[in-house]
Amino acid sequence: MRHELDCRGLRCPAPVIALAKALPTVEVGDEIAVAATDVAARVDVQAWCRMRGQEYVAAEMAEDGTPVYVVRRLL
């Protein structure tokens, strides 16, 4: 299952904090798609995944042009 997390307009480190809070609410194997306008989110989400043992799946683009970073819960 895929869950959406709208972090548009939030500045670093808020998107990663929101991701960390949302992770326990989804099942192992589910994905969280983080839509974030903060340019630092691209690097921050990937680094957070490495540090927390989660899978960084891909970067996508929302219909409005906002970057979306997809994370799969592994643990």
N, C-alpha and C. Protein backbone atom coordinates (compact mmCIF):
# COMPACT_ATOMS: atom_id res chain seq x y z
N MET A 1 0.85 -1.18 0.00
CA MET A 1 0.00 0.00 0.00
C MET A 1 0.90 1.24 0.00
N ARG A 2 0.43 2.27 -0.64
CA ARG A 2 1.19 3.52 -0.71
C ARG A 2 0.45 4.61 0.06
N HIS A 3 1.20 5.33 0.87
CA HIS A 3 0.67 6.42 1.69
C HIS A 3 1.31 7.72 1.21
N GLU A 4 0.53 8.78 1.22
CA GLU A 4 1.01 10.09 0.77
C GLU A 4 1.28 10.97 1.99
N LEU A 5 2.39 11.69 1.94
CA LEU A 5 2.76 12.63 3.00
C LEU A 5 3.06 13.97 2.33
N ASP A 6 2.22 14.96 2.58
CA ASP A 6 2.36 16.27 1.93
C ASP A 6 3.20 17.19 2.82
N CYS A 7 4.43 17.42 2.39
CA CYS A 7 5.34 18.29 3.13
C CYS A 7 5.67 19.55 2.31
N ARG A 8 4.80 19.89 1.39
CA ARG A 8 5.01 21.11 0.60
C ARG A 8 5.06 22.31 1.53
N GLY A 9 6.04 23.17 1.29
CA GLY A 9 6.17 24.39 2.07
C GLY A 9 6.93 24.23 3.38
N LEU A 10 7.23 22.99 3.77
CA LEU A 10 7.98 22.77 5.01
C LEU A 10 9.47 22.84 4.71
N ARG A 11 10.22 23.45 5.62
CA ARG A 11 11.66 23.60 5.44
C ARG A 11 12.41 22.56 6.26
N CYS A 12 13.61 22.29 5.83
CA CYS A 12 14.50 21.33 6.49
C CYS A 12 14.62 21.68 7.97
N PRO A 13 14.50 20.70 8.83
CA PRO A 13 14.39 19.25 8.64
C PRO A 13 12.95 18.73 8.74
N ALA A 14 11.97 19.59 8.63
CA ALA A 14 10.57 19.20 8.84
C ALA A 14 10.09 18.02 7.98
N PRO A 15 10.45 17.94 6.67
CA PRO A 15 9.97 16.78 5.90
C PRO A 15 10.47 15.44 6.46
N VAL A 16 11.72 15.39 6.90
CA VAL A 16 12.27 14.15 7.45
C VAL A 16 11.64 13.85 8.81
N ILE A 17 11.38 14.87 9.59
CA ILE A 17 10.71 14.66 10.88
C ILE A 17 9.31 14.12 10.65
N ALA A 18 8.61 14.66 9.68
CA ALA A 18 7.27 14.17 9.36
C ALA A 18 7.32 12.71 8.89
N LEU A 19 8.33 12.38 8.09
CA LEU A 19 8.51 11.01 7.62
C LEU A 19 8.76 10.08 8.81
N ALA A 20 9.61 10.48 9.72
CA ALA A 20 9.92 9.66 10.89
C ALA A 20 8.68 9.42 11.75
N LYS A 21 7.84 10.43 11.88
CA LYS A 21 6.60 10.28 12.66
C LYS A 21 5.59 9.40 11.95
N ALA A 22 5.56 9.45 10.62
CA ALA A 22 4.58 8.68 9.84
C ALA A 22 4.98 7.21 9.71
N LEU A 23 6.27 6.91 9.74
CA LEU A 23 6.72 5.55 9.49
C LEU A 23 6.05 4.50 10.39
N PRO A 24 5.95 4.71 11.70
CA PRO A 24 5.33 3.68 12.54
C PRO A 24 3.84 3.46 12.27
N THR A 25 3.22 4.34 11.51
CA THR A 25 1.79 4.22 11.24
C THR A 25 1.48 3.36 10.02
N VAL A 26 2.54 2.94 9.29
CA VAL A 26 2.34 2.12 8.10
C VAL A 26 2.91 0.73 8.33
N GLU A 27 2.40 -0.24 7.58
CA GLU A 27 2.85 -1.63 7.70
C GLU A 27 4.21 -1.82 7.03
N VAL A 28 4.97 -2.79 7.52
CA VAL A 28 6.22 -3.17 6.87
C VAL A 28 5.89 -3.57 5.43
N GLY A 29 6.67 -3.06 4.49
CA GLY A 29 6.43 -3.31 3.07
C GLY A 29 5.66 -2.21 2.37
N ASP A 30 4.96 -1.38 3.15
CA ASP A 30 4.23 -0.26 2.57
C ASP A 30 5.20 0.86 2.18
N GLU A 31 4.72 1.74 1.32
CA GLU A 31 5.51 2.88 0.88
C GLU A 31 4.91 4.18 1.39
N ILE A 32 5.79 5.13 1.65
CA ILE A 32 5.38 6.50 1.97
C ILE A 32 5.97 7.39 0.89
N ALA A 33 5.10 8.14 0.22
CA ALA A 33 5.52 9.08 -0.81
C ALA A 33 5.52 10.48 -0.18
N VAL A 34 6.71 11.06 -0.06
CA VAL A 34 6.88 12.35 0.59
C VAL A 34 6.98 13.44 -0.47
N ALA A 35 5.95 14.27 -0.58
CA ALA A 35 5.98 15.40 -1.50
C ALA A 35 6.59 16.58 -0.75
N ALA A 36 7.73 17.08 -1.24
CA ALA A 36 8.43 18.14 -0.51
C ALA A 36 9.02 19.16 -1.48
N THR A 37 8.78 20.42 -1.20
CA THR A 37 9.30 21.50 -2.02
C THR A 37 10.69 21.96 -1.57
N ASP A 38 11.10 21.61 -0.37
CA ASP A 38 12.41 21.99 0.14
C ASP A 38 13.48 21.21 -0.62
N VAL A 39 14.43 21.92 -1.23
CA VAL A 39 15.46 21.27 -2.05
C VAL A 39 16.33 20.31 -1.24
N ALA A 40 16.48 20.54 0.05
CA ALA A 40 17.30 19.67 0.89
C ALA A 40 16.66 18.31 1.11
N ALA A 41 15.36 18.21 0.90
CA ALA A 41 14.67 16.94 1.14
C ALA A 41 15.22 15.81 0.27
N ARG A 42 15.67 16.13 -0.90
CA ARG A 42 16.20 15.09 -1.80
C ARG A 42 17.35 14.34 -1.13
N VAL A 43 18.27 15.05 -0.56
CA VAL A 43 19.42 14.45 0.11
C VAL A 43 19.02 13.93 1.50
N ASP A 44 18.22 14.69 2.21
CA ASP A 44 17.83 14.32 3.57
C ASP A 44 17.06 13.01 3.64
N VAL A 45 16.12 12.80 2.73
CA VAL A 45 15.31 11.58 2.76
C VAL A 45 16.19 10.36 2.48
N GLN A 46 17.09 10.48 1.52
CA GLN A 46 17.99 9.36 1.22
C GLN A 46 18.90 9.06 2.41
N ALA A 47 19.45 10.08 3.03
CA ALA A 47 20.33 9.88 4.18
C ALA A 47 19.55 9.28 5.36
N TRP A 48 18.34 9.75 5.57
CA TRP A 48 17.51 9.22 6.65
C TRP A 48 17.25 7.74 6.43
N CYS A 49 16.96 7.34 5.20
CA CYS A 49 16.72 5.93 4.90
C CYS A 49 17.95 5.09 5.22
N ARG A 50 19.13 5.56 4.85
CA ARG A 50 20.36 4.81 5.16
C ARG A 50 20.56 4.68 6.66
N MET A 51 20.34 5.75 7.38
CA MET A 51 20.55 5.74 8.84
C MET A 51 19.52 4.90 9.58
N ARG A 52 18.30 4.81 9.05
CA ARG A 52 17.20 4.12 9.73
C ARG A 52 16.90 2.74 9.17
N GLY A 53 17.68 2.30 8.18
CA GLY A 53 17.49 0.97 7.64
C GLY A 53 16.21 0.82 6.82
N GLN A 54 15.80 1.88 6.17
CA GLN A 54 14.62 1.84 5.32
C GLN A 54 15.06 1.93 3.86
N GLU A 55 14.19 1.57 2.93
CA GLU A 55 14.56 1.57 1.52
C GLU A 55 14.11 2.84 0.83
N TYR A 56 15.07 3.54 0.24
CA TYR A 56 14.74 4.68 -0.62
C TYR A 56 14.42 4.09 -1.99
N VAL A 57 13.18 4.23 -2.44
CA VAL A 57 12.74 3.58 -3.67
C VAL A 57 13.04 4.43 -4.90
N ALA A 58 12.60 5.68 -4.89
CA ALA A 58 12.76 6.51 -6.08
C ALA A 58 12.34 7.94 -5.81
N ALA A 59 12.73 8.81 -6.73
CA ALA A 59 12.23 10.18 -6.75
C ALA A 59 11.29 10.27 -7.95
N GLU A 60 10.15 10.88 -7.73
CA GLU A 60 9.15 11.05 -8.78
C GLU A 60 8.76 12.52 -8.83
N MET A 61 7.85 12.84 -9.73
CA MET A 61 7.34 14.20 -9.84
C MET A 61 5.83 14.17 -9.72
N ALA A 62 5.29 14.98 -8.82
CA ALA A 62 3.84 15.10 -8.69
C ALA A 62 3.29 15.88 -9.90
N GLU A 63 1.99 15.81 -10.08
CA GLU A 63 1.37 16.52 -11.21
C GLU A 63 1.65 18.01 -11.19
N ASP A 64 1.81 18.59 -10.00
CA ASP A 64 2.07 20.02 -9.90
C ASP A 64 3.56 20.36 -10.00
N GLY A 65 4.40 19.34 -10.26
CA GLY A 65 5.84 19.57 -10.41
C GLY A 65 6.63 19.43 -9.12
N THR A 66 5.98 19.11 -8.04
CA THR A 66 6.66 18.94 -6.76
C THR A 66 7.39 17.60 -6.73
N PRO A 67 8.65 17.59 -6.29
CA PRO A 67 9.35 16.32 -6.15
C PRO A 67 8.68 15.45 -5.08
N VAL A 68 8.65 14.15 -5.34
CA VAL A 68 8.08 13.17 -4.42
C VAL A 68 9.12 12.09 -4.20
N TYR A 69 9.45 11.84 -2.94
CA TYR A 69 10.47 10.86 -2.58
C TYR A 69 9.77 9.66 -1.96
N VAL A 70 9.99 8.49 -2.55
CA VAL A 70 9.27 7.29 -2.14
C VAL A 70 10.17 6.41 -1.26
N VAL A 71 9.63 6.06 -0.09
CA VAL A 71 10.35 5.26 0.90
C VAL A 71 9.52 4.02 1.21
N ARG A 72 10.18 2.86 1.27
CA ARG A 72 9.51 1.63 1.66
C ARG A 72 9.96 1.24 3.07
N ARG A 73 8.97 0.95 3.92
CA ARG A 73 9.28 0.55 5.29
C ARG A 73 9.79 -0.90 5.28
N LEU A 74 10.98 -1.10 5.82
CA LEU A 74 11.57 -2.42 5.90
C LEU A 74 11.53 -3.00 7.31
N LEU A 75 11.59 -2.14 8.29
CA LEU A 75 11.64 -2.58 9.70
C LEU A 75 10.45 -2.08 10.47
